[in-house]
Amino acid sequence: MRHSDFWQRMEAALGPSYAASWARQQTITALDGRTPVEALDAGVDPQRVWRAVHATLELPARER
């Protein structure tokens, strides 16, 4: 998954105005206590970050 795909999924899940804000503020245990933005900046694979976001938000399986 590319970063652009990650952000498209984030915007689809949370809306374009809230996705970036949420990703900068929400720490996720599965990302070692980092926010999604911190994890991406640290080089974590966007697919892994998306899976952690997906689980945190309890999104439907079809959005995985």
Protein backbone atom coordinates (compact mmCIF):
# COMPACT_ATOMS: atom_id res chain seq x y z
CA MET A 1 0.00 0.00 0.00
CA ARG A 2 1.25 3.48 -0.83
CA HIS A 3 0.93 6.46 1.47
CA SER A 4 -1.63 7.99 -0.89
CA ASP A 5 -3.78 4.84 -0.59
CA PHE A 6 -3.52 5.03 3.19
CA TRP A 7 -4.72 8.64 3.21
CA GLN A 8 -7.57 7.87 0.80
CA ARG A 9 -8.77 5.15 3.16
CA MET A 10 -8.41 7.46 6.16
CA GLU A 11 -10.50 10.14 4.46
CA ALA A 12 -13.12 7.60 3.43
CA ALA A 13 -13.36 6.34 7.02
CA LEU A 14 -13.23 9.65 8.90
CA GLY A 15 -13.92 12.36 6.35
CA PRO A 16 -11.42 14.64 4.67
CA SER A 17 -11.40 17.30 7.37
CA TYR A 18 -11.01 14.95 10.34
CA ALA A 19 -8.70 12.20 9.02
CA ALA A 20 -5.42 14.12 9.25
CA SER A 21 -6.25 15.57 12.65
CA TRP A 22 -7.16 12.16 14.07
CA ALA A 23 -4.00 10.60 12.61
CA ARG A 24 -1.84 13.24 14.32
CA GLN A 25 -3.51 12.87 17.74
CA GLN A 26 -4.58 9.25 18.25
CA THR A 27 -1.91 6.99 19.73
CA ILE A 28 -2.33 3.31 18.94
CA THR A 29 -0.87 0.51 21.04
CA ALA A 30 -0.32 -1.70 17.98
CA LEU A 31 1.96 1.04 16.62
CA ASP A 32 4.09 1.02 19.77
CA GLY A 33 2.14 3.91 21.24
CA ARG A 34 2.72 6.14 18.23
CA THR A 35 0.19 8.05 16.22
CA PRO A 36 -0.39 6.94 12.63
CA VAL A 37 1.53 9.98 11.39
CA GLU A 38 4.47 9.22 13.70
CA ALA A 39 4.49 5.60 12.56
CA LEU A 40 4.47 6.57 8.88
CA ASP A 41 7.22 9.14 9.48
CA ALA A 42 9.27 6.42 11.20
CA GLY A 43 9.03 4.24 8.09
CA VAL A 44 6.35 1.80 9.22
CA ASP A 45 4.62 0.19 6.25
CA PRO A 46 1.37 2.05 5.46
CA GLN A 47 -0.47 -1.30 5.26
CA ARG A 48 0.52 -2.08 8.86
CA VAL A 49 -0.54 1.40 9.95
CA TRP A 50 -3.87 1.01 8.15
CA ARG A 51 -4.51 -2.35 9.83
CA ALA A 52 -3.90 -0.77 13.22
CA VAL A 53 -6.21 2.15 12.39
CA HIS A 54 -8.83 -0.26 11.03
CA ALA A 55 -8.78 -2.28 14.25
CA THR A 56 -8.84 0.82 16.46
CA LEU A 57 -11.83 2.28 14.65
CA GLU A 58 -13.51 -1.14 14.51
CA LEU A 59 -14.29 -0.67 10.82
CA PRO A 60 -16.13 -3.34 8.85
CA ALA A 61 -14.01 -6.14 7.37
CA ARG A 62 -14.88 -4.97 3.84
CA GLU A 63 -12.89 -1.78 4.47
CA ARG A 64 -9.72 -3.65 5.33
